Amino acid sequence: MAQKRFPNSMFGFDKGTVNTYIENLTRDYEEKLTAKDMEIEKLVMQLKNVNKKYEAIKLEEERILTEKEKISQALVSANEK
């Protein structure tokens, strides 16, 4: 955080200036937090999509391996005859 100098008033710092500064900091923080929350939400959705694709590919792999095994057994049976 950058150093901020506040103007002096009769009884210390000017309260209006300090309050405005704090409000600006709070608003900036909330905007950045909202942006990060949106980024996290986007990444969560991407992760869910990748996981769905992974599961679909995994099922397809299992189907192909099962089919391959059946074909291998059929070839072995055909060779034995």
C-alpha atoms as a PDB file:
ATOM      1  CA  MET A   1       0.000   0.000   0.000  1.00  0.00           C
ATOM      2  CA  ALA A   2       1.377   3.408  -0.951  1.00  0.00           C
ATOM      3  CA  GLN A   3       2.063   5.938   1.750  1.00  0.00           C
ATOM      4  CA  LYS A   4      -0.665   8.512   2.027  1.00  0.00           C
ATOM      5  CA  ARG A   5      -0.215  11.956   3.564  1.00  0.00           C
ATOM      6  CA  PHE A   6      -3.235  13.581   5.126  1.00  0.00           C
ATOM      7  CA  PRO A   7      -3.605  17.315   5.649  1.00  0.00           C
ATOM      8  CA  ASN A   8      -3.621  18.505   9.231  1.00  0.00           C
ATOM      9  CA  SER A   9      -6.578  20.225  10.773  1.00  0.00           C
ATOM     10  CA  MET A  10      -6.968  21.945  14.080  1.00  0.00           C
ATOM     11  CA  PHE A  11      -7.328  18.706  16.062  1.00  0.00           C
ATOM     12  CA  GLY A  12      -5.218  16.283  14.004  1.00  0.00           C
ATOM     13  CA  PHE A  13      -5.908  14.969  10.546  1.00  0.00           C
ATOM     14  CA  ASP A  14      -8.835  16.146   8.441  1.00  0.00           C
ATOM     15  CA  LYS A  15     -11.497  13.517   9.148  1.00  0.00           C
ATOM     16  CA  GLY A  16     -13.237  14.013   5.803  1.00  0.00           C
ATOM     17  CA  THR A  17     -10.037  13.338   3.889  1.00  0.00           C
ATOM     18  CA  VAL A  18      -9.230  10.282   5.993  1.00  0.00           C
ATOM     19  CA  ASN A  19     -12.769   8.906   5.632  1.00  0.00           C
ATOM     20  CA  THR A  20     -12.733   9.469   1.867  1.00  0.00           C
ATOM     21  CA  TYR A  21      -9.395   7.686   1.635  1.00  0.00           C
ATOM     22  CA  ILE A  22     -10.696   4.726   3.643  1.00  0.00           C
ATOM     23  CA  GLU A  23     -13.875   4.579   1.550  1.00  0.00           C
ATOM     24  CA  ASN A  24     -11.816   4.573  -1.649  1.00  0.00           C
ATOM     25  CA  LEU A  25      -9.587   1.802  -0.302  1.00  0.00           C
ATOM     26  CA  THR A  26     -12.644  -0.218   0.700  1.00  0.00           C
ATOM     27  CA  ARG A  27     -14.286   0.237  -2.713  1.00  0.00           C
ATOM     28  CA  ASP A  28     -11.072  -0.737  -4.532  1.00  0.00           C
ATOM     29  CA  TYR A  29     -10.694  -3.806  -2.308  1.00  0.00           C
ATOM     30  CA  GLU A  30     -14.309  -4.856  -2.882  1.00  0.00           C
ATOM     31  CA  GLU A  31     -13.942  -4.441  -6.664  1.00  0.00           C
ATOM     32  CA  LYS A  32     -10.798  -6.567  -6.689  1.00  0.00           C
ATOM     33  CA  LEU A  33     -12.444  -9.156  -4.448  1.00  0.00           C
ATOM     34  CA  THR A  34     -15.484  -9.324  -6.735  1.00  0.00           C
ATOM     35  CA  ALA A  35     -13.217  -9.741  -9.775  1.00  0.00           C
ATOM     36  CA  LYS A  36     -11.334 -12.570  -8.056  1.00  0.00           C
ATOM     37  CA  ASP A  37     -14.607 -14.245  -7.044  1.00  0.00           C
ATOM     38  CA  MET A  38     -15.770 -14.108 -10.661  1.00  0.00           C
ATOM     39  CA  GLU A  39     -12.443 -15.555 -11.827  1.00  0.00           C
ATOM     40  CA  ILE A  40     -12.736 -18.380  -9.287  1.00  0.00           C
ATOM     41  CA  GLU A  41     -16.293 -19.110 -10.442  1.00  0.00           C
ATOM     42  CA  LYS A  42     -15.114 -19.238 -14.054  1.00  0.00           C
ATOM     43  CA  LEU A  43     -12.261 -21.603 -13.160  1.00  0.00           C
ATOM     44  CA  VAL A  44     -14.608 -23.860 -11.178  1.00  0.00           C
ATOM     45  CA  MET A  45     -16.884 -24.132 -14.224  1.00  0.00           C
ATOM     46  CA  GLN A  46     -13.894 -24.926 -16.445  1.00  0.00           C
ATOM     47  CA  LEU A  47     -12.770 -27.607 -14.008  1.00  0.00           C
ATOM     48  CA  LYS A  48     -16.247 -29.153 -13.988  1.00  0.00           C
ATOM     49  CA  ASN A  49     -16.240 -29.237 -17.799  1.00  0.00           C
ATOM     50  CA  VAL A  50     -12.803 -30.846 -17.897  1.00  0.00           C
ATOM     51  CA  ASN A  51     -13.894 -33.446 -15.336  1.00  0.00           C
ATOM     52  CA  LYS A  52     -16.993 -34.281 -17.399  1.00  0.00           C
ATOM     53  CA  LYS A  53     -14.866 -34.702 -20.525  1.00  0.00           C
ATOM     54  CA  TYR A  54     -12.391 -36.845 -18.587  1.00  0.00           C
ATOM     55  CA  GLU A  55     -15.181 -39.121 -17.342  1.00  0.00           C
ATOM     56  CA  ALA A  56     -16.588 -39.465 -20.866  1.00  0.00           C
ATOM     57  CA  ILE A  57     -13.152 -40.357 -22.243  1.00  0.00           C
ATOM     58  CA  LYS A  58     -12.606 -42.831 -19.407  1.00  0.00           C
ATOM     59  CA  LEU A  59     -15.911 -44.570 -20.185  1.00  0.00           C
ATOM     60  CA  GLU A  60     -15.039 -44.674 -23.888  1.00  0.00           C
ATOM     61  CA  GLU A  61     -11.655 -46.187 -23.051  1.00  0.00           C
ATOM     62  CA  GLU A  62     -13.313 -48.896 -20.947  1.00  0.00           C
ATOM     63  CA  ARG A  63     -15.752 -49.651 -23.782  1.00  0.00           C
ATOM     64  CA  ILE A  64     -12.925 -49.885 -26.309  1.00  0.00           C
ATOM     65  CA  LEU A  65     -10.844 -52.134 -24.035  1.00  0.00           C
ATOM     66  CA  THR A  66     -13.831 -54.440 -23.506  1.00  0.00           C
ATOM     67  CA  GLU A  67     -14.446 -54.578 -27.246  1.00  0.00           C
ATOM     68  CA  LYS A  68     -10.754 -55.237 -27.885  1.00  0.00           C
ATOM     69  CA  GLU A  69     -10.817 -58.122 -25.425  1.00  0.00           C
ATOM     70  CA  LYS A  70     -13.882 -59.635 -27.121  1.00  0.00           C
ATOM     71  CA  ILE A  71     -12.219 -59.359 -30.531  1.00  0.00           C
ATOM     72  CA  SER A  72      -9.045 -60.977 -29.179  1.00  0.00           C
ATOM     73  CA  GLN A  73     -11.055 -63.854 -27.730  1.00  0.00           C
ATOM     74  CA  ALA A  74     -12.924 -64.281 -31.011  1.00  0.00           C
ATOM     75  CA  LEU A  75      -9.644 -64.405 -32.938  1.00  0.00           C
ATOM     76  CA  VAL A  76      -8.178 -66.956 -30.548  1.00  0.00           C
ATOM     77  CA  SER A  77     -11.331 -69.078 -30.846  1.00  0.00           C
ATOM     78  CA  ALA A  78     -11.250 -68.835 -34.631  1.00  0.00           C
ATOM     79  CA  ASN A  79      -7.589 -69.905 -34.711  1.00  0.00           C
ATOM     80  CA  GLU A  80      -8.272 -72.905 -32.492  1.00  0.00           C
ATOM     81  CA  LYS A  81     -10.895 -74.249 -34.879  1.00  0.00           C
END
